Amino acid sequence: QLDCAQIAKECLSPLASDVVALINRMGGVANYDNIVLVGGGSPLVFEYLRAALPDANLLMADNAEEVRWANALGGVKALRALAARGDF
């Protein structure tokens, strides 16, 4: 077994910093009731974001499969909604 904690931190910290910077460019956490994390990488950066944004209400699906496929499933739902309205 290899202890990869330091390698993971070196990779995930900059990613979390990018997300924090994006949120700050969009007005900061005070402008949002909730911040919803989606996509397969969400569980990897969740704790980093929680530490960096202690006042944010971060939400993420509890089920790893739901998180993993959230973007794809959301795209399908959006396409179905557009088709139902006749926009597509």
PDB file of N, CA and C in Angstrom:
ATOM      1  N   GLN A   1       0.834  -1.192   0.000  1.00  0.00           N
ATOM      2  CA  GLN A   1       0.000   0.000   0.000  1.00  0.00           C
ATOM      3  C   GLN A   1       0.873   1.248   0.000  1.00  0.00           C
ATOM      4  N   LEU A   2       0.393   2.244  -0.716  1.00  0.00           N
ATOM      5  CA  LEU A   2       1.096   3.518  -0.768  1.00  0.00           C
ATOM      6  C   LEU A   2       0.237   4.583  -0.116  1.00  0.00           C
ATOM      7  N   ASP A   3       0.864   5.431   0.668  1.00  0.00           N
ATOM      8  CA  ASP A   3       0.154   6.565   1.254  1.00  0.00           C
ATOM      9  C   ASP A   3       0.167   7.694   0.230  1.00  0.00           C
ATOM     10  N   CYS A   4      -0.976   7.953  -0.352  1.00  0.00           N
ATOM     11  CA  CYS A   4      -1.088   8.958  -1.417  1.00  0.00           C
ATOM     12  C   CYS A   4      -1.716  10.254  -0.913  1.00  0.00           C
ATOM     13  N   ALA A   5      -1.852  10.418   0.381  1.00  0.00           N
ATOM     14  CA  ALA A   5      -2.525  11.591   0.934  1.00  0.00           C
ATOM     15  C   ALA A   5      -1.855  12.894   0.501  1.00  0.00           C
ATOM     16  N   GLN A   6      -0.536  12.934   0.528  1.00  0.00           N
ATOM     17  CA  GLN A   6       0.168  14.162   0.156  1.00  0.00           C
ATOM     18  C   GLN A   6       0.019  14.448  -1.335  1.00  0.00           C
ATOM     19  N   ILE A   7       0.096  13.424  -2.151  1.00  0.00           N
ATOM     20  CA  ILE A   7      -0.076  13.596  -3.598  1.00  0.00           C
ATOM     21  C   ILE A   7      -1.493  14.087  -3.894  1.00  0.00           C
ATOM     22  N   ALA A   8      -2.477  13.493  -3.230  1.00  0.00           N
ATOM     23  CA  ALA A   8      -3.864  13.910  -3.423  1.00  0.00           C
ATOM     24  C   ALA A   8      -4.050  15.369  -3.023  1.00  0.00           C
ATOM     25  N   LYS A   9      -3.463  15.748  -1.898  1.00  0.00           N
ATOM     26  CA  LYS A   9      -3.567  17.137  -1.438  1.00  0.00           C
ATOM     27  C   LYS A   9      -2.948  18.094  -2.449  1.00  0.00           C
ATOM     28  N   GLU A  10      -1.806  17.724  -3.006  1.00  0.00           N
ATOM     29  CA  GLU A  10      -1.137  18.571  -3.986  1.00  0.00           C
ATOM     30  C   GLU A  10      -1.966  18.741  -5.257  1.00  0.00           C
ATOM     31  N   CYS A  11      -2.766  17.749  -5.587  1.00  0.00           N
ATOM     32  CA  CYS A  11      -3.611  17.821  -6.778  1.00  0.00           C
ATOM     33  C   CYS A  11      -4.944  18.506  -6.497  1.00  0.00           C
ATOM     34  N   LEU A  12      -5.520  18.223  -5.348  1.00  0.00           N
ATOM     35  CA  LEU A  12      -6.874  18.706  -5.056  1.00  0.00           C
ATOM     36  C   LEU A  12      -6.911  20.127  -4.514  1.00  0.00           C
ATOM     37  N   SER A  13      -5.880  20.541  -3.822  1.00  0.00           N
ATOM     38  CA  SER A  13      -5.870  21.903  -3.274  1.00  0.00           C
ATOM     39  C   SER A  13      -5.980  22.974  -4.361  1.00  0.00           C
ATOM     40  N   PRO A  14      -5.206  22.883  -5.450  1.00  0.00           N
ATOM     41  CA  PRO A  14      -5.361  23.890  -6.507  1.00  0.00           C
ATOM     42  C   PRO A  14      -6.733  23.847  -7.176  1.00  0.00           C
ATOM     43  N   LEU A  15      -7.295  22.651  -7.324  1.00  0.00           N
ATOM     44  CA  LEU A  15      -8.625  22.528  -7.906  1.00  0.00           C
ATOM     45  C   LEU A  15      -9.659  23.212  -7.018  1.00  0.00           C
ATOM     46  N   ALA A  16      -9.599  22.951  -5.728  1.00  0.00           N
ATOM     47  CA  ALA A  16     -10.515  23.596  -4.783  1.00  0.00           C
ATOM     48  C   ALA A  16     -10.305  25.109  -4.790  1.00  0.00           C
ATOM     49  N   SER A  17      -9.070  25.556  -4.885  1.00  0.00           N
ATOM     50  CA  SER A  17      -8.788  26.995  -4.950  1.00  0.00           C
ATOM     51  C   SER A  17      -9.418  27.631  -6.189  1.00  0.00           C
ATOM     52  N   ASP A  18      -9.394  26.923  -7.297  1.00  0.00           N
ATOM     53  CA  ASP A  18     -10.037  27.420  -8.521  1.00  0.00           C
ATOM     54  C   ASP A  18     -11.547  27.565  -8.335  1.00  0.00           C
ATOM     55  N   VAL A  19     -12.156  26.597  -7.668  1.00  0.00           N
ATOM     56  CA  VAL A  19     -13.597  26.653  -7.415  1.00  0.00           C
ATOM     57  C   VAL A  19     -13.918  27.824  -6.485  1.00  0.00           C
ATOM     58  N   VAL A  20     -13.138  28.004  -5.436  1.00  0.00           N
ATOM     59  CA  VAL A  20     -13.330  29.123  -4.512  1.00  0.00           C
ATOM     60  C   VAL A  20     -13.183  30.450  -5.252  1.00  0.00           C
ATOM     61  N   ALA A  21     -12.186  30.554  -6.114  1.00  0.00           N
ATOM     62  CA  ALA A  21     -11.979  31.784  -6.884  1.00  0.00           C
ATOM     63  C   ALA A  21     -13.170  32.067  -7.792  1.00  0.00           C
ATOM     64  N   LEU A  22     -13.719  31.037  -8.416  1.00  0.00           N
ATOM     65  CA  LEU A  22     -14.890  31.203  -9.269  1.00  0.00           C
ATOM     66  C   LEU A  22     -16.082  31.708  -8.457  1.00  0.00           C
ATOM     67  N   ILE A  23     -16.319  31.106  -7.310  1.00  0.00           N
ATOM     68  CA  ILE A  23     -17.423  31.535  -6.445  1.00  0.00           C
ATOM     69  C   ILE A  23     -17.211  32.987  -6.020  1.00  0.00           C
ATOM     70  N   ASN A  24     -16.005  33.344  -5.678  1.00  0.00           N
ATOM     71  CA  ASN A  24     -15.710  34.723  -5.276  1.00  0.00           C
ATOM     72  C   ASN A  24     -15.912  35.707  -6.426  1.00  0.00           C
ATOM     73  N   ARG A  25     -15.523  35.314  -7.651  1.00  0.00           N
ATOM     74  CA  ARG A  25     -15.754  36.176  -8.820  1.00  0.00           C
ATOM     75  C   ARG A  25     -17.243  36.372  -9.082  1.00  0.00           C
ATOM     76  N   MET A  26     -18.052  35.417  -8.655  1.00  0.00           N
ATOM     77  CA  MET A  26     -19.499  35.490  -8.855  1.00  0.00           C
ATOM     78  C   MET A  26     -20.203  36.145  -7.661  1.00  0.00           C
ATOM     79  N   GLY A  27     -19.458  36.813  -6.812  1.00  0.00           N
ATOM     80  CA  GLY A  27     -20.055  37.560  -5.715  1.00  0.00           C
ATOM     81  C   GLY A  27     -19.859  36.964  -4.340  1.00  0.00           C
ATOM     82  N   GLY A  28     -19.293  35.796  -4.253  1.00  0.00           N
ATOM     83  CA  GLY A  28     -19.032  35.175  -2.959  1.00  0.00           C
ATOM     84  C   GLY A  28     -20.220  34.397  -2.417  1.00  0.00           C
ATOM     85  N   VAL A  29     -19.980  33.664  -1.355  1.00  0.00           N
ATOM     86  CA  VAL A  29     -21.000  32.763  -0.807  1.00  0.00           C
ATOM     87  C   VAL A  29     -22.213  33.509  -0.260  1.00  0.00           C
ATOM     88  N   ALA A  30     -22.062  34.765   0.108  1.00  0.00           N
ATOM     89  CA  ALA A  30     -23.189  35.525   0.663  1.00  0.00           C
ATOM     90  C   ALA A  30     -24.308  35.712  -0.357  1.00  0.00           C
ATOM     91  N   ASN A  31     -23.989  35.580  -1.640  1.00  0.00           N
ATOM     92  CA  ASN A  31     -24.992  35.756  -2.688  1.00  0.00           C
ATOM     93  C   ASN A  31     -25.792  34.491  -2.989  1.00  0.00           C
ATOM     94  N   TYR A  32     -25.484  33.391  -2.319  1.00  0.00           N
ATOM     95  CA  TYR A  32     -26.123  32.114  -2.639  1.00  0.00           C
ATOM     96  C   TYR A  32     -26.624  31.431  -1.377  1.00  0.00           C
ATOM     97  N   ASP A  33     -27.847  30.924  -1.456  1.00  0.00           N
ATOM     98  CA  ASP A  33     -28.383  30.152  -0.336  1.00  0.00           C
ATOM     99  C   ASP A  33     -27.692  28.802  -0.234  1.00  0.00           C
ATOM    100  N   ASN A  34     -27.423  28.197  -1.383  1.00  0.00           N
ATOM    101  CA  ASN A  34     -26.799  26.877  -1.448  1.00  0.00           C
ATOM    102  C   ASN A  34     -25.803  26.847  -2.591  1.00  0.00           C
ATOM    103  N   ILE A  35     -24.789  26.048  -2.448  1.00  0.00           N
ATOM    104  CA  ILE A  35     -23.873  25.754  -3.538  1.00  0.00           C
ATOM    105  C   ILE A  35     -23.922  24.245  -3.734  1.00  0.00           C
ATOM    106  N   VAL A  36     -24.382  23.829  -4.907  1.00  0.00           N
ATOM    107  CA  VAL A  36     -24.582  22.418  -5.199  1.00  0.00           C
ATOM    108  C   VAL A  36     -23.397  21.910  -6.007  1.00  0.00           C
ATOM    109  N   LEU A  37     -22.757  20.897  -5.495  1.00  0.00           N
ATOM    110  CA  LEU A  37     -21.609  20.285  -6.170  1.00  0.00           C
ATOM    111  C   LEU A  37     -22.092  19.079  -6.962  1.00  0.00           C
ATOM    112  N   VAL A  38     -21.731  19.049  -8.245  1.00  0.00           N
ATOM    113  CA  VAL A  38     -22.129  17.929  -9.100  1.00  0.00           C
ATOM    114  C   VAL A  38     -20.909  17.422  -9.845  1.00  0.00           C
ATOM    115  N   GLY A  39     -21.024  16.220 -10.340  1.00  0.00           N
ATOM    116  CA  GLY A  39     -19.950  15.618 -11.116  1.00  0.00           C
ATOM    117  C   GLY A  39     -19.082  14.703 -10.281  1.00  0.00           C
ATOM    118  N   GLY A  40     -18.367  13.844 -10.961  1.00  0.00           N
ATOM    119  CA  GLY A  40     -17.582  12.806 -10.302  1.00  0.00           C
ATOM    120  C   GLY A  40     -16.477  13.284  -9.392  1.00  0.00           C
ATOM    121  N   GLY A  41     -15.981  14.508  -9.609  1.00  0.00           N
ATOM    122  CA  GLY A  41     -14.911  15.029  -8.765  1.00  0.00           C
ATOM    123  C   GLY A  41     -15.387  15.675  -7.483  1.00  0.00           C
ATOM    124  N   SER A  42     -16.689  15.867  -7.361  1.00  0.00           N
ATOM    125  CA  SER A  42     -17.227  16.563  -6.184  1.00  0.00           C
ATOM    126  C   SER A  42     -16.813  15.942  -4.853  1.00  0.00           C
ATOM    127  N   PRO A  43     -16.932  14.623  -4.705  1.00  0.00           N
ATOM    128  CA  PRO A  43     -16.528  14.050  -3.416  1.00  0.00           C
ATOM    129  C   PRO A  43     -15.054  14.267  -3.093  1.00  0.00           C
ATOM    130  N   LEU A  44     -14.234  14.422  -4.118  1.00  0.00           N
ATOM    131  CA  LEU A  44     -12.805  14.607  -3.897  1.00  0.00           C
ATOM    132  C   LEU A  44     -12.482  15.976  -3.314  1.00  0.00           C
ATOM    133  N   VAL A  45     -13.223  17.013  -3.722  1.00  0.00           N
ATOM    134  CA  VAL A  45     -12.908  18.373  -3.276  1.00  0.00           C
ATOM    135  C   VAL A  45     -13.844  18.881  -2.194  1.00  0.00           C
ATOM    136  N   PHE A  46     -14.856  18.101  -1.826  1.00  0.00           N
ATOM    137  CA  PHE A  46     -15.875  18.566  -0.897  1.00  0.00           C
ATOM    138  C   PHE A  46     -15.278  19.094   0.412  1.00  0.00           C
ATOM    139  N   GLU A  47     -14.426  18.325   1.047  1.00  0.00           N
ATOM    140  CA  GLU A  47     -13.856  18.748   2.340  1.00  0.00           C
ATOM    141  C   GLU A  47     -12.931  19.952   2.186  1.00  0.00           C
ATOM    142  N   TYR A  48     -12.228  20.032   1.086  1.00  0.00           N
ATOM    143  CA  TYR A  48     -11.378  21.202   0.836  1.00  0.00           C
ATOM    144  C   TYR A  48     -12.232  22.459   0.716  1.00  0.00           C
ATOM    145  N   LEU A  49     -13.363  22.348   0.008  1.00  0.00           N
ATOM    146  CA  LEU A  49     -14.261  23.494  -0.152  1.00  0.00           C
ATOM    147  C   LEU A  49     -14.928  23.857   1.163  1.00  0.00           C
ATOM    148  N   ARG A  50     -15.300  22.856   1.934  1.00  0.00           N
ATOM    149  CA  ARG A  50     -15.908  23.122   3.246  1.00  0.00           C
ATOM    150  C   ARG A  50     -14.945  23.912   4.132  1.00  0.00           C
ATOM    151  N   ALA A  51     -13.675  23.556   4.089  1.00  0.00           N
ATOM    152  CA  ALA A  51     -12.676  24.270   4.898  1.00  0.00           C
ATOM    153  C   ALA A  51     -12.444  25.683   4.376  1.00  0.00           C
ATOM    154  N   ALA A  52     -12.452  25.844   3.049  1.00  0.00           N
ATOM    155  CA  ALA A  52     -12.176  27.148   2.457  1.00  0.00           C
ATOM    156  C   ALA A  52     -13.385  28.087   2.501  1.00  0.00           C
ATOM    157  N   LEU A  53     -14.592  27.492   2.550  1.00  0.00           N
ATOM    158  CA  LEU A  53     -15.828  28.277   2.537  1.00  0.00           C
ATOM    159  C   LEU A  53     -16.712  27.888   3.725  1.00  0.00           C
ATOM    160  N   PRO A  54     -16.281  28.186   4.937  1.00  0.00           N
ATOM    161  CA  PRO A  54     -17.019  27.707   6.114  1.00  0.00           C
ATOM    162  C   PRO A  54     -18.441  28.268   6.225  1.00  0.00           C
ATOM    163  N   ASP A  55     -18.718  29.406   5.601  1.00  0.00           N
ATOM    164  CA  ASP A  55     -20.051  29.993   5.681  1.00  0.00           C
ATOM    165  C   ASP A  55     -20.981  29.514   4.573  1.00  0.00           C
ATOM    166  N   ALA A  56     -20.478  28.732   3.636  1.00  0.00           N
ATOM    167  CA  ALA A  56     -21.286  28.255   2.512  1.00  0.00           C
ATOM    168  C   ALA A  56     -22.093  27.036   2.918  1.00  0.00           C
ATOM    169  N   ASN A  57     -23.295  26.943   2.385  1.00  0.00           N
ATOM    170  CA  ASN A  57     -24.106  25.744   2.554  1.00  0.00           C
ATOM    171  C   ASN A  57     -23.855  24.867   1.329  1.00  0.00           C
ATOM    172  N   LEU A  58     -22.871  23.978   1.451  1.00  0.00           N
ATOM    173  CA  LEU A  58     -22.486  23.101   0.348  1.00  0.00           C
ATOM    174  C   LEU A  58     -23.377  21.870   0.345  1.00  0.00           C
ATOM    175  N   LEU A  59     -23.901  21.548  -0.818  1.00  0.00           N
ATOM    176  CA  LEU A  59     -24.763  20.382  -0.971  1.00  0.00           C
ATOM    177  C   LEU A  59     -24.177  19.447  -2.010  1.00  0.00           C
ATOM    178  N   MET A  60     -24.321  18.156  -1.756  1.00  0.00           N
ATOM    179  CA  MET A  60     -23.852  17.143  -2.686  1.00  0.00           C
ATOM    180  C   MET A  60     -24.678  15.894  -2.439  1.00  0.00           C
ATOM    181  N   ALA A  61     -24.984  15.161  -3.475  1.00  0.00           N
ATOM    182  CA  ALA A  61     -25.732  13.916  -3.315  1.00  0.00           C
ATOM    183  C   ALA A  61     -24.959  12.965  -2.404  1.00  0.00           C
ATOM    184  N   ASP A  62     -25.690  12.206  -1.616  1.00  0.00           N
ATOM    185  CA  ASP A  62     -25.058  11.233  -0.719  1.00  0.00           C
ATOM    186  C   ASP A  62     -24.609   9.979  -1.464  1.00  0.00           C
ATOM    187  N   ASN A  63     -25.284   9.673  -2.542  1.00  0.00           N
ATOM    188  CA  ASN A  63     -25.018   8.462  -3.304  1.00  0.00           C
ATOM    189  C   ASN A  63     -23.914   8.732  -4.325  1.00  0.00           C
ATOM    190  N   ALA A  64     -22.837   7.988  -4.257  1.00  0.00           N
ATOM    191  CA  ALA A  64     -21.689   8.208  -5.152  1.00  0.00           C
ATOM    192  C   ALA A  64     -22.078   8.056  -6.621  1.00  0.00           C
ATOM    193  N   GLU A  65     -22.982   7.151  -6.933  1.00  0.00           N
ATOM    194  CA  GLU A  65     -23.408   6.984  -8.325  1.00  0.00           C
ATOM    195  C   GLU A  65     -24.187   8.197  -8.808  1.00  0.00           C
ATOM    196  N   GLU A  66     -25.013   8.786  -7.926  1.00  0.00           N
ATOM    197  CA  GLU A  66     -25.755   9.984  -8.308  1.00  0.00           C
ATOM    198  C   GLU A  66     -24.793  11.131  -8.601  1.00  0.00           C
ATOM    199  N   VAL A  67     -23.775  11.290  -7.783  1.00  0.00           N
ATOM    200  CA  VAL A  67     -22.799  12.353  -7.986  1.00  0.00           C
ATOM    201  C   VAL A  67     -22.034  12.104  -9.274  1.00  0.00           C
ATOM    202  N   ARG A  68     -21.638  10.881  -9.478  1.00  0.00           N
ATOM    203  CA  ARG A  68     -20.813  10.536 -10.633  1.00  0.00           C
ATOM    204  C   ARG A  68     -21.498  10.875 -11.951  1.00  0.00           C
ATOM    205  N   TRP A  69     -22.804  10.658 -12.011  1.00  0.00           N
ATOM    206  CA  TRP A  69     -23.533  10.854 -13.261  1.00  0.00           C
ATOM    207  C   TRP A  69     -24.413  12.103 -13.254  1.00  0.00           C
ATOM    208  N   ALA A  70     -24.244  12.990 -12.299  1.00  0.00           N
ATOM    209  CA  ALA A  70     -25.130  14.148 -12.150  1.00  0.00           C
ATOM    210  C   ALA A  70     -25.162  15.033 -13.391  1.00  0.00           C
ATOM    211  N   ASN A  71     -24.020  15.318 -13.980  1.00  0.00           N
ATOM    212  CA  ASN A  71     -23.998  16.189 -15.165  1.00  0.00           C
ATOM    213  C   ASN A  71     -24.702  15.542 -16.346  1.00  0.00           C
ATOM    214  N   ALA A  72     -24.438  14.283 -16.574  1.00  0.00           N
ATOM    215  CA  ALA A  72     -25.072  13.592 -17.695  1.00  0.00           C
ATOM    216  C   ALA A  72     -26.576  13.466 -17.484  1.00  0.00           C
ATOM    217  N   LEU A  73     -26.991  13.081 -16.281  1.00  0.00           N
ATOM    218  CA  LEU A  73     -28.424  12.946 -16.005  1.00  0.00           C
ATOM    219  C   LEU A  73     -29.121  14.298 -16.072  1.00  0.00           C
ATOM    220  N   GLY A  74     -28.459  15.347 -15.595  1.00  0.00           N
ATOM    221  CA  GLY A  74     -29.030  16.691 -15.680  1.00  0.00           C
ATOM    222  C   GLY A  74     -29.190  17.134 -17.125  1.00  0.00           C
ATOM    223  N   GLY A  75     -28.239  16.793 -17.970  1.00  0.00           N
ATOM    224  CA  GLY A  75     -28.338  17.122 -19.393  1.00  0.00           C
ATOM    225  C   GLY A  75     -29.521  16.434 -20.044  1.00  0.00           C
ATOM    226  N   VAL A  76     -29.739  15.181 -19.706  1.00  0.00           N
ATOM    227  CA  VAL A  76     -30.882  14.443 -20.242  1.00  0.00           C
ATOM    228  C   VAL A  76     -32.185  15.089 -19.777  1.00  0.00           C
ATOM    229  N   LYS A  77     -32.262  15.457 -18.507  1.00  0.00           N
ATOM    230  CA  LYS A  77     -33.471  16.106 -17.991  1.00  0.00           C
ATOM    231  C   LYS A  77     -33.712  17.441 -18.687  1.00  0.00           C
ATOM    232  N   ALA A  78     -32.662  18.210 -18.900  1.00  0.00           N
ATOM    233  CA  ALA A  78     -32.807  19.495 -19.589  1.00  0.00           C
ATOM    234  C   ALA A  78     -33.281  19.281 -21.022  1.00  0.00           C
ATOM    235  N   LEU A  79     -32.737  18.292 -21.711  1.00  0.00           N
ATOM    236  CA  LEU A  79     -33.147  17.996 -23.075  1.00  0.00           C
ATOM    237  C   LEU A  79     -34.620  17.589 -23.121  1.00  0.00           C
ATOM    238  N   ARG A  80     -35.035  16.757 -22.173  1.00  0.00           N
ATOM    239  CA  ARG A  80     -36.449  16.341 -22.116  1.00  0.00           C
ATOM    240  C   ARG A  80     -37.361  17.539 -21.853  1.00  0.00           C
ATOM    241  N   ALA A  81     -36.942  18.450 -20.978  1.00  0.00           N
ATOM    242  CA  ALA A  81     -37.754  19.639 -20.684  1.00  0.00           C
ATOM    243  C   ALA A  81     -37.878  20.522 -21.921  1.00  0.00           C
ATOM    244  N   LEU A  82     -36.782  20.701 -22.650  1.00  0.00           N
ATOM    245  CA  LEU A  82     -36.835  21.496 -23.880  1.00  0.00           C
ATOM    246  C   LEU A  82     -37.722  20.834 -24.937  1.00  0.00           C
ATOM    247  N   ALA A  83     -37.606  19.516 -25.042  1.00  0.00           N
ATOM    248  CA  ALA A  83     -38.428  18.796 -26.015  1.00  0.00           C
ATOM    249  C   ALA A  83     -39.912  18.893 -25.650  1.00  0.00           C
ATOM    250  N   ALA A  84     -40.235  18.827 -24.358  1.00  0.00           N
ATOM    251  CA  ALA A  84     -41.628  18.909 -23.917  1.00  0.00           C
ATOM    252  C   ALA A  84     -42.217  20.286 -24.221  1.00  0.00           C
ATOM    253  N   ARG A  85     -41.392  21.324 -24.161  1.00  0.00           N
ATOM    254  CA  ARG A  85     -41.851  22.672 -24.473  1.00  0.00           C
ATOM    255  C   ARG A  85     -41.889  22.931 -25.970  1.00  0.00           C
ATOM    256  N   GLY A  86     -41.311  22.032 -26.731  1.00  0.00           N
ATOM    257  CA  GLY A  86     -41.258  22.217 -28.174  1.00  0.00           C
ATOM    258  C   GLY A  86     -40.082  23.043 -28.634  1.00  0.00           C
ATOM    259  N   ASP A  87     -39.136  23.283 -27.746  1.00  0.00           N
ATOM    260  CA  ASP A  87     -37.955  24.077 -28.089  1.00  0.00           C
ATOM    261  C   ASP A  87     -36.882  23.288 -28.801  1.00  0.00           C
ATOM    262  N   PHE A  88     -37.089  21.983 -28.878  1.00  0.00           N
ATOM    263  CA  PHE A  88     -36.052  21.145 -29.485  1.00  0.00           C
ATOM    264  C   PHE A  88     -36.690  20.122 -30.378  1.00  0.00           C
TER     265      PHE A  88
END
